[in-house]
């Protein structure tokens, strides 16, 4: 049983069972309020998990992994979901699986439309820029195959850069889809991305420069 958490766009949490079936998938839209929403979403999803007391699930699946959507996304929102996923995994004593968020969006497109040609996943990167990843089908492990890694493109240049390539603008990422990608990666023994989030641009916050010490000049009387 894998818990998926993503805050690259809105806030999303999902849960899949041992057979890959979606047990719960909830989300909240909006660029703000991730910290306020994530706890409530986790509660909703965990309430749907099979329990030992359930007559319907006498042998419930144990939680085995937590999947964290690693972006692309803005610094503030993205780190909230990753921190929540890591904290939850630490509390349960299970590993975290890092998943590129665009992979989850691409998986849903492939499962729904089965496109025969390459396509681009587009998400709003703010500041009049778009995050773009180009995919073509799935690989032998059932994971969407990225033929062009994620890049930032000025919104005014998207048409010129992508030409006739089919583009799919995504406004939400499914937590359950993040978990399904993680399940396939674990089964194949693969690491899909590193532990560092895919911010694409550095955060606005800067470490202040060291303050140079200033010494008072002695007074005329030597004090």
Protein backbone atom coordinates (compact mmCIF):
# COMPACT_ATOMS: atom_id res chain seq x y z
CA UNK A 1 0.00 0.00 0.00
CA UNK A 2 1.51 3.29 -1.14
CA UNK A 3 0.61 6.81 -0.09
CA UNK A 4 1.18 9.52 -2.71
CA UNK A 5 1.64 13.22 -1.84
CA UNK A 6 2.05 16.10 -4.29
CA UNK A 7 1.94 19.89 -3.91
CA UNK A 8 3.54 20.93 -7.18
CA UNK A 9 0.29 22.58 -8.29
CA UNK A 10 -2.57 22.21 -5.82
CA UNK A 11 -2.44 19.86 -2.83
CA UNK A 12 -3.10 16.17 -3.50
CA UNK A 13 -2.96 12.94 -1.51
CA UNK A 14 -3.82 9.46 -2.76
CA UNK A 15 -3.59 5.86 -1.61
CA UNK A 16 -3.29 2.65 -3.63
CA UNK A 17 -3.51 -0.94 -2.44
CA UNK A 18 -1.30 -3.94 -3.03
CA UNK A 19 -2.96 -4.65 -6.39
CA UNK A 20 -2.54 -1.05 -7.56
CA UNK A 21 -6.21 -0.25 -7.05
CA UNK A 22 -6.97 3.31 -5.94
CA UNK A 23 -8.30 3.31 -2.39
CA UNK A 24 -8.58 7.10 -2.07
CA UNK A 25 -7.62 10.18 -4.05
CA UNK A 26 -8.37 13.67 -2.74
CA UNK A 27 -7.11 17.11 -3.63
CA UNK A 28 -7.51 20.83 -3.12
CA UNK A 29 -6.90 23.31 -5.90
CA UNK A 30 -5.08 26.59 -5.51
CA UNK A 31 -1.51 27.81 -5.41
CA UNK A 32 -1.70 28.78 -1.75
CA UNK A 33 -2.76 27.06 1.45
CA UNK A 34 -0.72 23.87 1.02
CA UNK A 35 0.34 23.82 4.67
CA UNK A 36 -3.23 24.27 5.87
CA UNK A 37 -4.66 21.65 3.48
CA UNK A 38 -2.16 18.79 3.59
CA UNK A 39 -3.01 17.56 7.10
CA UNK A 40 -6.74 17.41 6.37
CA UNK A 41 -6.15 15.59 3.07
CA UNK A 42 -3.96 13.02 4.80
CA UNK A 43 -6.70 12.41 7.36
CA UNK A 44 -9.30 11.91 4.63
CA UNK A 45 -7.15 9.44 2.74
CA UNK A 46 -6.08 7.43 5.77
CA UNK A 47 -9.72 7.13 6.83
CA UNK A 48 -10.25 5.17 3.60
CA UNK A 49 -7.41 2.75 4.31
CA UNK A 50 -8.42 -0.81 5.25
CA UNK A 51 -8.16 -1.45 8.97
CA UNK A 52 -7.71 -4.62 10.97
CA UNK A 53 -11.17 -4.09 12.46
CA UNK A 54 -12.85 -3.91 9.04
CA UNK A 55 -15.08 -6.86 8.18
CA UNK A 56 -14.55 -6.12 4.49
CA UNK A 57 -10.75 -6.26 4.80
CA UNK A 58 -9.83 -8.99 7.32
CA UNK A 59 -6.23 -8.95 6.11
CA UNK A 60 -5.46 -5.28 5.42
CA UNK A 61 -2.44 -4.20 3.39
CA UNK A 62 0.34 -2.58 5.40
CA UNK A 63 1.62 0.79 4.26
CA UNK A 64 4.92 0.03 2.54
CA UNK A 65 6.02 3.31 0.91
CA UNK A 66 5.29 7.01 0.68
CA UNK A 67 5.62 8.59 -2.77
CA UNK A 68 6.58 12.26 -2.92
CA UNK A 69 5.93 14.38 -6.00
CA UNK A 70 9.21 16.23 -6.62
CA UNK A 71 7.99 18.81 -9.11
CA UNK A 72 8.54 20.82 -11.18
CA UNK A 73 6.89 23.39 -8.98
CA UNK A 74 7.40 26.62 -7.07
CA UNK A 75 9.73 26.53 -4.08
CA UNK A 76 7.30 27.28 -1.26
CA UNK A 77 4.44 24.98 -2.23
CA UNK A 78 6.54 22.07 -3.44
CA UNK A 79 8.66 21.76 -0.30
CA UNK A 80 5.52 21.53 1.91
CA UNK A 81 4.36 18.32 0.24
CA UNK A 82 7.82 16.80 0.22
CA UNK A 83 8.33 17.61 3.89
CA UNK A 84 4.93 16.13 4.74
CA UNK A 85 5.71 12.94 2.81
CA UNK A 86 9.09 12.55 4.48
CA UNK A 87 7.72 13.23 7.95
CA UNK A 88 4.89 10.73 7.48
CA UNK A 89 7.29 8.08 6.15
CA UNK A 90 9.62 8.64 9.08
CA UNK A 91 6.76 8.20 11.52
CA UNK A 92 5.67 4.95 9.87
CA UNK A 93 9.21 3.66 9.34
CA UNK A 94 8.78 3.23 5.58
CA UNK A 95 10.89 4.52 2.66
CA UNK A 96 10.13 7.56 0.51
CA UNK A 97 9.99 7.16 -3.26
CA UNK A 98 10.76 10.34 -5.22
CA UNK A 99 8.53 10.77 -8.30
CA UNK A 100 8.68 13.50 -10.96
CA UNK A 101 5.23 15.11 -10.82
CA UNK A 102 4.96 15.34 -14.62
CA UNK A 103 5.33 11.53 -14.79
CA UNK A 104 2.07 11.18 -12.86
CA UNK A 105 0.28 13.57 -15.22
CA UNK A 106 1.68 11.74 -18.25
CA UNK A 107 0.56 8.37 -16.88
CA UNK A 108 -3.02 9.57 -16.62
CA UNK A 109 -2.91 10.83 -20.21
CA UNK A 110 -1.50 7.52 -21.45
CA UNK A 111 -4.01 5.44 -19.51
CA UNK A 112 -6.92 7.58 -20.71
CA UNK A 113 -6.06 8.41 -24.32
CA UNK A 114 -3.22 6.04 -25.28
CA UNK A 115 -1.65 8.64 -27.61
CA UNK A 116 0.39 7.14 -30.44
CA UNK A 117 2.53 10.24 -30.92
CA UNK A 118 4.77 12.19 -28.54
CA UNK A 119 3.01 14.76 -26.37
CA UNK A 120 4.00 17.52 -23.97
CA UNK A 121 2.86 18.00 -20.39
CA UNK A 122 2.63 21.69 -19.52
CA UNK A 123 2.23 23.22 -16.07
CA UNK A 124 2.18 26.85 -15.01
CA UNK A 125 5.57 27.81 -13.59
CA UNK A 126 4.44 31.38 -12.83
CA UNK A 127 6.34 34.50 -13.86
CA UNK A 128 4.96 34.03 -17.37
CA UNK A 129 6.82 30.74 -17.78
CA UNK A 130 5.65 27.19 -18.43
CA UNK A 131 7.26 23.94 -17.31
CA UNK A 132 7.35 21.50 -20.23
CA UNK A 133 8.21 17.79 -20.42
CA UNK A 134 7.84 15.75 -23.61
CA UNK A 135 6.79 12.08 -23.39
CA UNK A 136 6.39 9.21 -25.81
CA UNK A 137 4.59 6.13 -24.54
CA UNK A 138 5.75 4.05 -21.62
CA UNK A 139 8.92 2.03 -21.10
CA UNK A 140 9.26 -1.66 -20.30
CA UNK A 141 8.51 -0.97 -16.64
CA UNK A 142 5.26 0.84 -17.40
CA UNK A 143 6.68 4.27 -16.58
CA UNK A 144 6.10 7.21 -18.96
CA UNK A 145 9.13 7.71 -21.17
CA UNK A 146 10.40 11.30 -21.14
CA UNK A 147 12.11 12.06 -24.44
CA UNK A 148 12.80 15.68 -23.48
CA UNK A 149 13.51 16.49 -19.84
CA UNK A 150 11.61 19.25 -18.06
CA UNK A 151 12.52 22.78 -19.11
CA UNK A 152 11.17 26.26 -18.48
CA UNK A 153 9.74 27.99 -21.53
CA UNK A 154 8.46 31.58 -21.65
CA UNK A 155 4.71 31.45 -22.22
CA UNK A 156 5.07 33.67 -25.28
CA UNK A 157 7.46 31.10 -26.84
CA UNK A 158 5.48 27.90 -26.19
CA UNK A 159 3.84 27.76 -29.61
CA UNK A 160 7.13 28.37 -31.39
CA UNK A 161 9.05 25.86 -29.28
CA UNK A 162 6.49 23.03 -29.47
CA UNK A 163 5.23 23.56 -33.00
CA UNK A 164 2.63 20.94 -33.93
CA UNK A 165 3.44 18.72 -30.94
CA UNK A 166 0.34 17.84 -28.96
CA UNK A 167 0.32 19.70 -25.67
CA UNK A 168 -1.68 18.98 -22.53
CA UNK A 169 -1.98 21.74 -19.96
CA UNK A 170 -2.27 20.23 -16.49
CA UNK A 171 -3.76 22.12 -13.56
CA UNK A 172 -3.77 19.30 -10.99
CA UNK A 173 -1.66 16.25 -10.15
CA UNK A 174 -3.29 13.11 -8.75
CA UNK A 175 -1.79 11.73 -5.55
CA UNK A 176 -2.92 8.24 -6.57
CA UNK A 177 -1.12 8.60 -9.92
CA UNK A 178 2.06 9.61 -8.05
CA UNK A 179 1.66 6.45 -5.97
CA UNK A 180 1.14 4.28 -9.08
CA UNK A 181 4.34 5.60 -10.63
CA UNK A 182 6.16 4.82 -7.36
CA UNK A 183 4.74 1.29 -7.31
CA UNK A 184 6.14 0.58 -10.78
CA UNK A 185 9.51 2.11 -9.93
CA UNK A 186 9.80 0.01 -6.76
CA UNK A 187 8.85 -3.16 -8.65
CA UNK A 188 11.56 -2.43 -11.23
CA UNK A 189 14.15 -1.42 -8.63
CA UNK A 190 14.53 2.00 -10.23
CA UNK A 191 15.26 5.48 -8.91
CA UNK A 192 13.36 7.98 -11.05
CA UNK A 193 14.81 11.20 -9.66
CA UNK A 194 17.07 12.42 -6.89
CA UNK A 195 16.20 13.64 -3.44
CA UNK A 196 16.37 17.30 -4.44
CA UNK A 197 13.11 18.90 -5.62
CA UNK A 198 12.84 20.07 -9.21
CA UNK A 199 12.39 23.80 -8.64
CA UNK A 200 13.76 24.83 -12.07
CA UNK A 201 14.65 28.22 -10.66
CA UNK A 202 16.29 29.19 -7.35
CA UNK A 203 14.10 30.46 -4.49
CA UNK A 204 13.63 34.19 -4.05
CA UNK A 205 14.93 34.04 -0.49
CA UNK A 206 18.62 34.67 -0.06
CA UNK A 207 20.96 34.04 2.84
CA UNK A 208 21.96 37.47 4.10
CA UNK A 209 25.57 38.43 3.73
CA UNK A 210 27.70 38.36 6.84
CA UNK A 211 27.54 41.62 8.76
CA UNK A 212 30.93 43.19 9.13
CA UNK A 213 31.75 43.97 12.76
CA UNK A 214 31.91 47.63 13.62
CA UNK A 215 33.88 48.91 16.53
CA UNK A 216 33.19 52.13 18.34
CA UNK A 217 35.99 54.64 18.20
CA UNK A 218 37.42 55.48 21.61
CA UNK A 219 36.20 58.72 23.10
CA UNK A 220 38.49 61.62 23.71
CA UNK A 221 38.85 60.70 27.38
CA UNK A 222 39.92 57.14 26.41
CA UNK A 223 36.75 55.39 27.60
